[in-house]
Amino acid sequence: MDEAISKALGYLRTQQKNDGSITDSGNAHAMTALAVMALSAVGNQATDPTPEGETLRKALDYLLASERQRDNGYFGSDGSRMYGHGIVTLTMAELLDMGVSPEQDARIRQRLRKGVDLILWSQDRKERNNEREFGGWRYEPDSRDSDLSVTIWQLMALRASKNAGLDVPREAIEKAVQYLKKCYKADSKGKDRVGGACGYQPGNNQSYAAGAAGLLALQVCGLYESDEVQGSADWLKSKKLEWDGRYFLYGTYYYAQGMYQKGGEYATHARREVETILLAKQKDDGSWRAQHGEEHNAGCVYGTSMAVLSLCVKYHYLPIYQR
């Protein structure tokens, strides 16, 4: 597996542009941030005197440029919307105090604080009397509705920021828990239920990607021993991973993290499943590209970054991977 990851990181390095961004299909802020996390997930740092360190330095300079973040703290102006905002904010939190100088660390902290503040502001846009949408996030900062796929990125950014020492109000997590529980659907009711998973939005059917995102999101919110976490882990463990499934790489990133957090037989099972399917699908140049429509169109930087992050959970170099 180490050889596969090394080839993948080599591929990501070849996709770096002169301005420091790492992308092959648009959404440069979000894709660069994902690539930075992938490069960092095996222990590379911007201070390293290596090709990987140089790539990280250039990419971090790109992300920290003033034009990447609007005055209100928004990182999603590259077209990645709140997905990208959560991803870049998460990256800033993961790299806090890992810059090449005290000045750069100060810039990371400033950008991160503004990013977190926008996430909190965006959550507050939801009307309290709109029970279905309250507590989550959606595509734009001022969206009045919510979905799980956007919500999970904001929660991961908040969790990582709190781990890094920033103030994250408890109320924000409590509101998110309310939303997550509305997305969860048990296979049977009462104390005898044996499984279940989240859907994309409240009332939606369960799916692999949403179920995996829900498992991790619930744990990020501190519900490690809840019925919903146990049910989600059991539901996911019973599913066969399908490379051609919709949002496979997206779901597998959360599946790998969520099952690792669950631990024991769940972590062992997930690691075996993820390694088996991903290592067989890596291209000769070290990249991955999803097979299914939307993810296929996201390109190889996206696919490679998500695959590396799924495989690297066990290394726990990134704080967000630590139990």
C-alpha atoms as a PDB file:
ATOM      1  CA  MET A   1       0.000   0.000   0.000  1.00  0.00           C
ATOM      2  CA  ASP A   2       2.873   2.399   0.697  1.00  0.00           C
ATOM      3  CA  GLU A   3       3.972   2.170  -2.934  1.00  0.00           C
ATOM      4  CA  ALA A   4       0.445   2.947  -4.127  1.00  0.00           C
ATOM      5  CA  ILE A   5       0.233   6.007  -1.891  1.00  0.00           C
ATOM      6  CA  SER A   6       3.663   7.203  -3.011  1.00  0.00           C
ATOM      7  CA  LYS A   7       2.562   6.963  -6.653  1.00  0.00           C
ATOM      8  CA  ALA A   8      -0.641   8.819  -5.834  1.00  0.00           C
ATOM      9  CA  LEU A   9       1.196  11.689  -4.155  1.00  0.00           C
ATOM     10  CA  GLY A  10       3.541  11.837  -7.131  1.00  0.00           C
ATOM     11  CA  TYR A  11       0.525  12.201  -9.392  1.00  0.00           C
ATOM     12  CA  LEU A  12      -0.879  15.054  -7.281  1.00  0.00           C
ATOM     13  CA  ARG A  13       2.441  16.866  -7.506  1.00  0.00           C
ATOM     14  CA  THR A  14       2.291  16.740 -11.309  1.00  0.00           C
ATOM     15  CA  GLN A  15      -1.060  18.535 -11.219  1.00  0.00           C
ATOM     16  CA  GLN A  16       0.216  21.614  -9.386  1.00  0.00           C
ATOM     17  CA  LYS A  17      -0.118  24.810 -11.421  1.00  0.00           C
ATOM     18  CA  ASN A  18       2.211  27.810 -11.461  1.00  0.00           C
ATOM     19  CA  ASP A  19      -0.007  29.682  -8.996  1.00  0.00           C
ATOM     20  CA  GLY A  20       0.276  26.801  -6.492  1.00  0.00           C
ATOM     21  CA  SER A  21      -3.202  25.365  -7.019  1.00  0.00           C
ATOM     22  CA  ILE A  22      -3.640  21.620  -7.522  1.00  0.00           C
ATOM     23  CA  THR A  23      -6.572  20.894  -9.797  1.00  0.00           C
ATOM     24  CA  ASP A  24      -7.498  19.293 -13.096  1.00  0.00           C
ATOM     25  CA  SER A  25     -11.186  20.154 -13.409  1.00  0.00           C
ATOM     26  CA  GLY A  26     -12.032  23.436 -11.683  1.00  0.00           C
ATOM     27  CA  ASN A  27     -13.040  24.237  -8.092  1.00  0.00           C
ATOM     28  CA  ALA A  28      -9.424  25.122  -7.434  1.00  0.00           C
ATOM     29  CA  HIS A  29      -9.841  26.123  -3.775  1.00  0.00           C
ATOM     30  CA  ALA A  30     -11.550  22.892  -2.772  1.00  0.00           C
ATOM     31  CA  MET A  31      -9.363  20.604  -4.882  1.00  0.00           C
ATOM     32  CA  THR A  32      -6.148  22.203  -3.664  1.00  0.00           C
ATOM     33  CA  ALA A  33      -7.307  21.802  -0.066  1.00  0.00           C
ATOM     34  CA  LEU A  34      -8.135  18.123  -0.603  1.00  0.00           C
ATOM     35  CA  ALA A  35      -4.731  17.553  -2.180  1.00  0.00           C
ATOM     36  CA  VAL A  36      -3.030  19.344   0.719  1.00  0.00           C
ATOM     37  CA  MET A  37      -4.792  17.060   3.190  1.00  0.00           C
ATOM     38  CA  ALA A  38      -3.833  13.991   1.137  1.00  0.00           C
ATOM     39  CA  LEU A  39      -0.179  15.035   1.058  1.00  0.00           C
ATOM     40  CA  SER A  40      -0.266  15.764   4.790  1.00  0.00           C
ATOM     41  CA  ALA A  41      -2.059  12.537   5.702  1.00  0.00           C
ATOM     42  CA  VAL A  42       1.148  10.504   5.451  1.00  0.00           C
ATOM     43  CA  GLY A  43       3.235  12.946   7.472  1.00  0.00           C
ATOM     44  CA  ASN A  44       4.490  15.449   4.903  1.00  0.00           C
ATOM     45  CA  GLN A  45       4.802  19.034   6.129  1.00  0.00           C
ATOM     46  CA  ALA A  46       5.344  22.351   4.380  1.00  0.00           C
ATOM     47  CA  THR A  47       8.619  22.755   6.281  1.00  0.00           C
ATOM     48  CA  ASP A  48      10.090  19.548   4.828  1.00  0.00           C
ATOM     49  CA  PRO A  49      13.059  20.002   2.418  1.00  0.00           C
ATOM     50  CA  THR A  50      11.477  17.553  -0.024  1.00  0.00           C
ATOM     51  CA  PRO A  51       9.500  17.731  -3.262  1.00  0.00           C
ATOM     52  CA  GLU A  52       6.357  17.046  -1.238  1.00  0.00           C
ATOM     53  CA  GLY A  53       7.228  19.843   1.177  1.00  0.00           C
ATOM     54  CA  GLU A  54       7.717  22.251  -1.730  1.00  0.00           C
ATOM     55  CA  THR A  55       4.365  21.260  -3.193  1.00  0.00           C
ATOM     56  CA  LEU A  56       2.709  21.886   0.163  1.00  0.00           C
ATOM     57  CA  ARG A  57       4.380  25.283   0.567  1.00  0.00           C
ATOM     58  CA  LYS A  58       3.151  26.455  -2.817  1.00  0.00           C
ATOM     59  CA  ALA A  59      -0.338  25.066  -2.247  1.00  0.00           C
ATOM     60  CA  LEU A  60      -0.614  26.632   1.186  1.00  0.00           C
ATOM     61  CA  ASP A  61       0.485  30.006  -0.184  1.00  0.00           C
ATOM     62  CA  TYR A  62      -2.237  29.660  -2.819  1.00  0.00           C
ATOM     63  CA  LEU A  63      -4.939  28.917  -0.236  1.00  0.00           C
ATOM     64  CA  LEU A  64      -3.801  31.734   2.056  1.00  0.00           C
ATOM     65  CA  ALA A  65      -3.829  34.418  -0.647  1.00  0.00           C
ATOM     66  CA  SER A  66      -6.287  37.163   0.283  1.00  0.00           C
ATOM     67  CA  GLU A  67      -8.349  36.685  -2.880  1.00  0.00           C
ATOM     68  CA  ARG A  68      -9.263  33.101  -1.900  1.00  0.00           C
ATOM     69  CA  GLN A  69     -11.436  34.257   1.006  1.00  0.00           C
ATOM     70  CA  ARG A  70     -14.136  36.896   0.822  1.00  0.00           C
ATOM     71  CA  ASP A  71     -14.473  39.568   3.489  1.00  0.00           C
ATOM     72  CA  ASN A  72     -17.240  37.570   5.167  1.00  0.00           C
ATOM     73  CA  GLY A  73     -14.915  34.540   5.481  1.00  0.00           C
ATOM     74  CA  TYR A  74     -16.257  32.553   2.519  1.00  0.00           C
ATOM     75  CA  PHE A  75     -13.885  30.170   0.686  1.00  0.00           C
ATOM     76  CA  GLY A  76     -16.448  28.786  -1.775  1.00  0.00           C
ATOM     77  CA  SER A  77     -16.215  31.410  -4.522  1.00  0.00           C
ATOM     78  CA  ASP A  78     -14.381  28.979  -6.844  1.00  0.00           C
ATOM     79  CA  GLY A  79     -17.727  27.336  -7.571  1.00  0.00           C
ATOM     80  CA  SER A  80     -17.406  24.745  -4.819  1.00  0.00           C
ATOM     81  CA  ARG A  81     -19.877  26.662  -2.630  1.00  0.00           C
ATOM     82  CA  MET A  82     -20.288  25.540   0.984  1.00  0.00           C
ATOM     83  CA  TYR A  83     -18.715  22.181   0.151  1.00  0.00           C
ATOM     84  CA  GLY A  84     -15.489  23.980  -0.672  1.00  0.00           C
ATOM     85  CA  HIS A  85     -15.843  26.333   2.252  1.00  0.00           C
ATOM     86  CA  GLY A  86     -16.025  23.437   4.688  1.00  0.00           C
ATOM     87  CA  ILE A  87     -13.133  21.633   3.000  1.00  0.00           C
ATOM     88  CA  VAL A  88     -10.801  24.639   3.031  1.00  0.00           C
ATOM     89  CA  THR A  89     -11.764  25.564   6.597  1.00  0.00           C
ATOM     90  CA  LEU A  90     -11.083  21.970   7.680  1.00  0.00           C
ATOM     91  CA  THR A  91      -7.693  22.101   5.966  1.00  0.00           C
ATOM     92  CA  MET A  92      -6.794  25.329   7.752  1.00  0.00           C
ATOM     93  CA  ALA A  93      -7.703  23.748  11.080  1.00  0.00           C
ATOM     94  CA  GLU A  94      -5.648  20.634  10.355  1.00  0.00           C
ATOM     95  CA  LEU A  95      -2.568  22.694   9.439  1.00  0.00           C
ATOM     96  CA  LEU A  96      -2.794  25.260  12.234  1.00  0.00           C
ATOM     97  CA  ASP A  97       0.641  25.780  13.810  1.00  0.00           C
ATOM     98  CA  MET A  98       2.223  23.743  10.997  1.00  0.00           C
ATOM     99  CA  GLY A  99       3.106  26.693   8.768  1.00  0.00           C
ATOM    100  CA  VAL A 100       6.591  27.614   7.621  1.00  0.00           C
ATOM    101  CA  SER A 101       6.811  30.660   9.904  1.00  0.00           C
ATOM    102  CA  PRO A 102       5.028  32.350  12.834  1.00  0.00           C
ATOM    103  CA  GLU A 103       3.678  34.891  10.343  1.00  0.00           C
ATOM    104  CA  GLN A 104       2.138  32.180   8.186  1.00  0.00           C
ATOM    105  CA  ASP A 105       0.674  30.466  11.244  1.00  0.00           C
ATOM    106  CA  ALA A 106      -0.946  33.768  12.205  1.00  0.00           C
ATOM    107  CA  ARG A 107      -2.486  34.027   8.729  1.00  0.00           C
ATOM    108  CA  ILE A 108      -3.800  30.467   8.969  1.00  0.00           C
ATOM    109  CA  ARG A 109      -5.408  31.261  12.322  1.00  0.00           C
ATOM    110  CA  GLN A 110      -6.984  34.448  10.994  1.00  0.00           C
ATOM    111  CA  ARG A 111      -8.391  32.721   7.890  1.00  0.00           C
ATOM    112  CA  LEU A 112      -9.622  29.819  10.014  1.00  0.00           C
ATOM    113  CA  ARG A 113     -11.423  32.042  12.513  1.00  0.00           C
ATOM    114  CA  LYS A 114     -13.241  33.844   9.720  1.00  0.00           C
ATOM    115  CA  GLY A 115     -14.120  30.530   8.085  1.00  0.00           C
ATOM    116  CA  VAL A 116     -15.563  29.145  11.307  1.00  0.00           C
ATOM    117  CA  ASP A 117     -17.532  32.325  11.936  1.00  0.00           C
ATOM    118  CA  LEU A 118     -19.146  32.009   8.497  1.00  0.00           C
ATOM    119  CA  ILE A 119     -20.122  28.385   9.220  1.00  0.00           C
ATOM    120  CA  LEU A 120     -21.796  29.469  12.454  1.00  0.00           C
ATOM    121  CA  TRP A 121     -23.523  32.394  10.733  1.00  0.00           C
ATOM    122  CA  SER A 122     -24.770  30.108   7.974  1.00  0.00           C
ATOM    123  CA  GLN A 123     -26.271  27.651  10.444  1.00  0.00           C
ATOM    124  CA  ASP A 124     -28.077  30.515  12.163  1.00  0.00           C
ATOM    125  CA  ARG A 125     -29.841  31.412   8.886  1.00  0.00           C
ATOM    126  CA  LYS A 126     -32.112  28.417   9.330  1.00  0.00           C
ATOM    127  CA  GLU A 127     -35.450  29.411  10.831  1.00  0.00           C
ATOM    128  CA  ARG A 128     -36.173  27.694  14.121  1.00  0.00           C
ATOM    129  CA  ASN A 129     -39.755  27.054  13.099  1.00  0.00           C
ATOM    130  CA  ASN A 130     -38.588  25.126  10.013  1.00  0.00           C
ATOM    131  CA  GLU A 131     -38.090  21.819  11.787  1.00  0.00           C
ATOM    132  CA  ARG A 132     -36.977  19.885   8.702  1.00  0.00           C
ATOM    133  CA  GLU A 133     -34.022  22.172   7.877  1.00  0.00           C
ATOM    134  CA  PHE A 134     -33.004  23.545  11.270  1.00  0.00           C
ATOM    135  CA  GLY A 135     -29.472  22.749  12.442  1.00  0.00           C
ATOM    136  CA  GLY A 136     -27.822  21.880   9.127  1.00  0.00           C
ATOM    137  CA  TRP A 137     -26.180  23.529   6.137  1.00  0.00           C
ATOM    138  CA  ARG A 138     -26.789  23.679   2.386  1.00  0.00           C
ATOM    139  CA  TYR A 139     -25.114  24.931  -0.798  1.00  0.00           C
ATOM    140  CA  GLU A 140     -24.854  28.659  -0.047  1.00  0.00           C
ATOM    141  CA  PRO A 141     -24.086  30.499   3.210  1.00  0.00           C
ATOM    142  CA  ASP A 142     -27.581  32.021   3.267  1.00  0.00           C
ATOM    143  CA  SER A 143     -29.466  28.873   2.179  1.00  0.00           C
ATOM    144  CA  ARG A 144     -32.598  28.211   4.196  1.00  0.00           C
ATOM    145  CA  ASP A 145     -32.581  24.456   3.640  1.00  0.00           C
ATOM    146  CA  SER A 146     -30.075  21.738   4.597  1.00  0.00           C
ATOM    147  CA  ASP A 147     -28.620  18.422   3.478  1.00  0.00           C
ATOM    148  CA  LEU A 148     -26.277  15.896   5.038  1.00  0.00           C
ATOM    149  CA  SER A 149     -23.571  16.063   2.372  1.00  0.00           C
ATOM    150  CA  VAL A 150     -22.902  19.761   2.993  1.00  0.00           C
ATOM    151  CA  THR A 151     -23.519  19.497   6.729  1.00  0.00           C
ATOM    152  CA  ILE A 152     -20.800  16.895   7.296  1.00  0.00           C
ATOM    153  CA  TRP A 153     -18.050  19.138   5.883  1.00  0.00           C
ATOM    154  CA  GLN A 154     -19.061  21.996   8.167  1.00  0.00           C
ATOM    155  CA  LEU A 155     -19.146  19.688  11.169  1.00  0.00           C
ATOM    156  CA  MET A 156     -15.706  18.292  10.391  1.00  0.00           C
ATOM    157  CA  ALA A 157     -14.380  21.841  10.077  1.00  0.00           C
ATOM    158  CA  LEU A 158     -15.943  22.786  13.420  1.00  0.00           C
ATOM    159  CA  ARG A 159     -14.612  19.642  15.115  1.00  0.00           C
ATOM    160  CA  ALA A 160     -11.091  20.200  13.786  1.00  0.00           C
ATOM    161  CA  SER A 161     -11.215  23.865  14.759  1.00  0.00           C
ATOM    162  CA  LYS A 162     -12.319  23.015  18.282  1.00  0.00           C
ATOM    163  CA  ASN A 163      -9.511  20.443  18.496  1.00  0.00           C
ATOM    164  CA  ALA A 164      -7.116  23.210  17.435  1.00  0.00           C
ATOM    165  CA  GLY A 165      -8.245  25.413  20.312  1.00  0.00           C
ATOM    166  CA  LEU A 166     -10.811  27.690  18.683  1.00  0.00           C
ATOM    167  CA  ASP A 167     -14.057  28.487  20.445  1.00  0.00           C
ATOM    168  CA  VAL A 168     -16.958  26.557  18.902  1.00  0.00           C
ATOM    169  CA  PRO A 169     -20.278  27.138  20.688  1.00  0.00           C
ATOM    170  CA  ARG A 170     -21.861  24.022  22.129  1.00  0.00           C
ATOM    171  CA  GLU A 171     -25.220  25.195  20.803  1.00  0.00           C
ATOM    172  CA  ALA A 172     -23.990  24.811  17.217  1.00  0.00           C
ATOM    173  CA  ILE A 173     -23.253  21.121  17.809  1.00  0.00           C
ATOM    174  CA  GLU A 174     -26.551  20.580  19.609  1.00  0.00           C
ATOM    175  CA  LYS A 175     -28.470  22.059  16.678  1.00  0.00           C
ATOM    176  CA  ALA A 176     -26.530  19.860  14.256  1.00  0.00           C
ATOM    177  CA  VAL A 177     -27.388  16.770  16.324  1.00  0.00           C
ATOM    178  CA  GLN A 178     -31.066  17.606  15.952  1.00  0.00           C
ATOM    179  CA  TYR A 179     -30.653  17.706  12.195  1.00  0.00           C
ATOM    180  CA  LEU A 180     -28.619  14.495  11.997  1.00  0.00           C
ATOM    181  CA  LYS A 181     -31.168  12.530  13.984  1.00  0.00           C
ATOM    182  CA  LYS A 182     -33.862  13.639  11.547  1.00  0.00           C
ATOM    183  CA  CYS A 183     -31.771  12.216   8.687  1.00  0.00           C
ATOM    184  CA  TYR A 184     -31.409   8.833  10.399  1.00  0.00           C
ATOM    185  CA  LYS A 185     -33.793   6.021   9.524  1.00  0.00           C
ATOM    186  CA  ALA A 186     -33.813   2.820  11.562  1.00  0.00           C
ATOM    187  CA  ASP A 187     -34.535  -0.509   9.882  1.00  0.00           C
ATOM    188  CA  SER A 188     -36.788  -1.461  12.785  1.00  0.00           C
ATOM    189  CA  LYS A 189     -38.191   0.447  15.722  1.00  0.00           C
ATOM    190  CA  GLY A 190     -37.638   0.186  19.434  1.00  0.00           C
ATOM    191  CA  LYS A 191     -34.890  -1.373  21.470  1.00  0.00           C
ATOM    192  CA  ASP A 192     -34.683  -4.395  19.177  1.00  0.00           C
ATOM    193  CA  ARG A 193     -33.597  -2.430  16.109  1.00  0.00           C
ATOM    194  CA  VAL A 194     -30.523  -3.932  14.505  1.00  0.00           C
ATOM    195  CA  GLY A 195     -29.458  -1.352  11.996  1.00  0.00           C
ATOM    196  CA  GLY A 196     -30.193   1.804  10.120  1.00  0.00           C
ATOM    197  CA  ALA A 197     -28.506   4.702   8.373  1.00  0.00           C
ATOM    198  CA  CYS A 198     -28.926   8.300   7.354  1.00  0.00           C
ATOM    199  CA  GLY A 199     -30.386   9.580   4.128  1.00  0.00           C
ATOM    200  CA  TYR A 200     -29.367  12.660   2.166  1.00  0.00           C
ATOM    201  CA  GLN A 201     -32.140  14.681   3.823  1.00  0.00           C
ATOM    202  CA  PRO A 202     -34.799  13.920   6.458  1.00  0.00           C
ATOM    203  CA  GLY A 203     -37.241  11.385   5.075  1.00  0.00           C
ATOM    204  CA  ASN A 204     -34.935  10.220   2.271  1.00  0.00           C
ATOM    205  CA  ASN A 205     -33.966   6.592   1.764  1.00  0.00           C
ATOM    206  CA  GLN A 206     -30.709   5.314   3.194  1.00  0.00           C
ATOM    207  CA  SER A 207     -27.665   5.273   0.925  1.00  0.00           C
ATOM    208  CA  TYR A 208     -24.028   4.274   1.217  1.00  0.00           C
ATOM    209  CA  ALA A 209     -22.633   7.806   0.939  1.00  0.00           C
ATOM    210  CA  ALA A 210     -25.204   9.393   3.246  1.00  0.00           C
ATOM    211  CA  GLY A 211     -25.014   6.495   5.694  1.00  0.00           C
ATOM    212  CA  ALA A 212     -21.240   6.779   5.931  1.00  0.00           C
ATOM    213  CA  ALA A 213     -21.373  10.564   6.251  1.00  0.00           C
ATOM    214  CA  GLY A 214     -24.005  10.207   8.946  1.00  0.00           C
ATOM    215  CA  LEU A 215     -21.929   7.721  10.920  1.00  0.00           C
ATOM    216  CA  LEU A 216     -18.966  10.081  11.010  1.00  0.00           C
ATOM    217  CA  ALA A 217     -21.084  13.192  11.584  1.00  0.00           C
ATOM    218  CA  LEU A 218     -22.785  11.648  14.612  1.00  0.00           C
ATOM    219  CA  GLN A 219     -19.405  10.743  16.084  1.00  0.00           C
ATOM    220  CA  VAL A 220     -18.019  14.209  15.326  1.00  0.00           C
ATOM    221  CA  CYS A 221     -20.926  15.547  17.399  1.00  0.00           C
ATOM    222  CA  GLY A 222     -19.932  13.262  20.297  1.00  0.00           C
ATOM    223  CA  LEU A 223     -22.617  10.569  19.948  1.00  0.00           C
ATOM    224  CA  TYR A 224     -20.120   7.695  19.990  1.00  0.00           C
ATOM    225  CA  GLU A 225     -22.328   5.303  21.967  1.00  0.00           C
ATOM    226  CA  SER A 226     -25.700   6.280  20.516  1.00  0.00           C
ATOM    227  CA  ASP A 227     -28.172   3.881  18.933  1.00  0.00           C
ATOM    228  CA  GLU A 228     -27.784   5.796  15.680  1.00  0.00           C
ATOM    229  CA  VAL A 229     -24.016   5.248  15.587  1.00  0.00           C
ATOM    230  CA  GLN A 230     -24.342   1.555  16.399  1.00  0.00           C
ATOM    231  CA  GLY A 231     -27.113   1.133  13.867  1.00  0.00           C
ATOM    232  CA  SER A 232     -25.153   2.962  11.167  1.00  0.00           C
ATOM    233  CA  ALA A 233     -22.013   0.912  11.778  1.00  0.00           C
ATOM    234  CA  ASP A 234     -23.987  -2.347  11.589  1.00  0.00           C
ATOM    235  CA  TRP A 235     -25.811  -1.216   8.450  1.00  0.00           C
ATOM    236  CA  LEU A 236     -22.576  -0.241   6.699  1.00  0.00           C
ATOM    237  CA  LYS A 237     -20.787  -3.419   7.756  1.00  0.00           C
ATOM    238  CA  SER A 238     -23.522  -5.430   6.053  1.00  0.00           C
ATOM    239  CA  LYS A 239     -23.070  -3.643   2.720  1.00  0.00           C
ATOM    240  CA  LYS A 240     -20.752  -4.709  -0.077  1.00  0.00           C
ATOM    241  CA  LEU A 241     -18.630  -1.819  -1.368  1.00  0.00           C
ATOM    242  CA  GLU A 242     -19.339  -1.163  -5.043  1.00  0.00           C
ATOM    243  CA  TRP A 243     -16.804   0.754  -7.137  1.00  0.00           C
ATOM    244  CA  ASP A 244     -19.451   1.783  -9.638  1.00  0.00           C
ATOM    245  CA  GLY A 245     -21.833   2.974  -6.943  1.00  0.00           C
ATOM    246  CA  ARG A 246     -23.011   6.585  -6.832  1.00  0.00           C
ATOM    247  CA  TYR A 247     -20.650   8.841  -4.863  1.00  0.00           C
ATOM    248  CA  PHE A 248     -18.453   5.860  -4.042  1.00  0.00           C
ATOM    249  CA  LEU A 249     -15.249   7.785  -3.275  1.00  0.00           C
ATOM    250  CA  TYR A 250     -17.117  10.444  -1.337  1.00  0.00           C
ATOM    251  CA  GLY A 251     -18.849   7.806   0.762  1.00  0.00           C
ATOM    252  CA  THR A 252     -15.708   5.733   1.229  1.00  0.00           C
ATOM    253  CA  TYR A 253     -13.825   8.707   2.678  1.00  0.00           C
ATOM    254  CA  TYR A 254     -16.460   8.924   5.423  1.00  0.00           C
ATOM    255  CA  TYR A 255     -16.806   5.147   5.690  1.00  0.00           C
ATOM    256  CA  ALA A 256     -13.089   4.741   6.366  1.00  0.00           C
ATOM    257  CA  GLN A 257     -13.064   7.487   8.989  1.00  0.00           C
ATOM    258  CA  GLY A 258     -16.351   6.576  10.645  1.00  0.00           C
ATOM    259  CA  MET A 259     -15.593   2.875  10.970  1.00  0.00           C
ATOM    260  CA  TYR A 260     -12.083   3.651  12.213  1.00  0.00           C
ATOM    261  CA  GLN A 261     -13.627   5.832  14.909  1.00  0.00           C
ATOM    262  CA  LYS A 262     -16.027   3.006  15.787  1.00  0.00           C
ATOM    263  CA  GLY A 263     -13.019   0.724  16.270  1.00  0.00           C
ATOM    264  CA  GLY A 264     -12.702  -3.014  16.827  1.00  0.00           C
ATOM    265  CA  GLU A 265     -14.162  -5.355  14.224  1.00  0.00           C
ATOM    266  CA  TYR A 266     -15.723  -2.417  12.370  1.00  0.00           C
ATOM    267  CA  ALA A 267     -12.362  -0.732  11.809  1.00  0.00           C
ATOM    268  CA  THR A 268     -10.708  -4.004  10.793  1.00  0.00           C
ATOM    269  CA  HIS A 269     -13.496  -4.861   8.361  1.00  0.00           C
ATOM    270  CA  ALA A 270     -13.545  -1.394   6.781  1.00  0.00           C
ATOM    271  CA  ARG A 271      -9.783  -1.226   6.351  1.00  0.00           C
ATOM    272  CA  ARG A 272      -9.747  -4.581   4.556  1.00  0.00           C
ATOM    273  CA  GLU A 273     -12.643  -3.612   2.296  1.00  0.00           C
ATOM    274  CA  VAL A 274     -11.263  -0.168   1.435  1.00  0.00           C
ATOM    275  CA  GLU A 275      -7.757  -1.393   0.662  1.00  0.00           C
ATOM    276  CA  THR A 276      -9.002  -4.295  -1.465  1.00  0.00           C
ATOM    277  CA  ILE A 277     -11.205  -2.218  -3.731  1.00  0.00           C
ATOM    278  CA  LEU A 278      -9.096   0.942  -4.001  1.00  0.00           C
ATOM    279  CA  LEU A 279      -5.734  -0.674  -4.639  1.00  0.00           C
ATOM    280  CA  ALA A 280      -7.270  -2.661  -7.488  1.00  0.00           C
ATOM    281  CA  LYS A 281      -8.633   0.493  -9.142  1.00  0.00           C
ATOM    282  CA  GLN A 282      -5.538   2.717  -9.107  1.00  0.00           C
ATOM    283  CA  LYS A 283      -4.363   3.818 -12.559  1.00  0.00           C
ATOM    284  CA  ASP A 284      -0.809   3.340 -13.819  1.00  0.00           C
ATOM    285  CA  ASP A 285      -0.001   7.036 -13.267  1.00  0.00           C
ATOM    286  CA  GLY A 286      -0.962   6.720  -9.595  1.00  0.00           C
ATOM    287  CA  SER A 287      -4.342   8.406  -9.887  1.00  0.00           C
ATOM    288  CA  TRP A 288      -7.908   7.362  -9.243  1.00  0.00           C
ATOM    289  CA  ARG A 289     -10.974   8.591 -11.092  1.00  0.00           C
ATOM    290  CA  ALA A 290     -14.461   7.657  -9.989  1.00  0.00           C
ATOM    291  CA  GLN A 291     -16.556   5.628 -12.393  1.00  0.00           C
ATOM    292  CA  HIS A 292     -19.977   7.137 -11.722  1.00  0.00           C
ATOM    293  CA  GLY A 293     -21.224  10.362 -13.333  1.00  0.00           C
ATOM    294  CA  GLU A 294     -20.925  13.291 -10.909  1.00  0.00           C
ATOM    295  CA  GLU A 295     -17.773  12.015  -9.253  1.00  0.00           C
ATOM    296  CA  HIS A 296     -16.222  10.999 -12.566  1.00  0.00           C
ATOM    297  CA  ASN A 297     -16.642  14.570 -13.774  1.00  0.00           C
ATOM    298  CA  ALA A 298     -14.896  15.883 -10.645  1.00  0.00           C
ATOM    299  CA  GLY A 299     -11.608  14.643 -12.096  1.00  0.00           C
ATOM    300  CA  CYS A 300      -8.504  12.782 -10.962  1.00  0.00           C
ATOM    301  CA  VAL A 301      -7.209  15.258  -8.366  1.00  0.00           C
ATOM    302  CA  TYR A 302     -10.484  14.821  -6.517  1.00  0.00           C
ATOM    303  CA  GLY A 303     -10.532  11.054  -6.959  1.00  0.00           C
ATOM    304  CA  THR A 304      -6.885  10.612  -5.992  1.00  0.00           C
ATOM    305  CA  SER A 305      -7.133  12.846  -2.936  1.00  0.00           C
ATOM    306  CA  MET A 306     -10.240  11.079  -1.657  1.00  0.00           C
ATOM    307  CA  ALA A 307      -8.689   7.645  -2.240  1.00  0.00           C
ATOM    308  CA  VAL A 308      -5.477   8.578  -0.421  1.00  0.00           C
ATOM    309  CA  LEU A 309      -7.414  10.052   2.501  1.00  0.00           C
ATOM    310  CA  SER A 310      -9.475   6.863   2.711  1.00  0.00           C
ATOM    311  CA  LEU A 311      -6.369   4.671   2.759  1.00  0.00           C
ATOM    312  CA  CYS A 312      -4.428   6.838   5.218  1.00  0.00           C
ATOM    313  CA  VAL A 313      -6.861   6.825   8.131  1.00  0.00           C
ATOM    314  CA  LYS A 314      -4.707   4.321  10.043  1.00  0.00           C
ATOM    315  CA  TYR A 315      -1.681   6.653   9.982  1.00  0.00           C
ATOM    316  CA  HIS A 316      -3.609   9.345  11.908  1.00  0.00           C
ATOM    317  CA  TYR A 317      -1.111  12.105  11.091  1.00  0.00           C
ATOM    318  CA  LEU A 318      -4.022  14.492  10.587  1.00  0.00           C
ATOM    319  CA  PRO A 319      -5.718  15.397  13.880  1.00  0.00           C
ATOM    320  CA  ILE A 320      -9.196  14.744  12.462  1.00  0.00           C
ATOM    321  CA  TYR A 321      -8.272  11.056  12.049  1.00  0.00           C
ATOM    322  CA  GLN A 322      -7.368  10.583  15.707  1.00  0.00           C
ATOM    323  CA  ARG A 323      -9.855   8.820  17.960  1.00  0.00           C
END
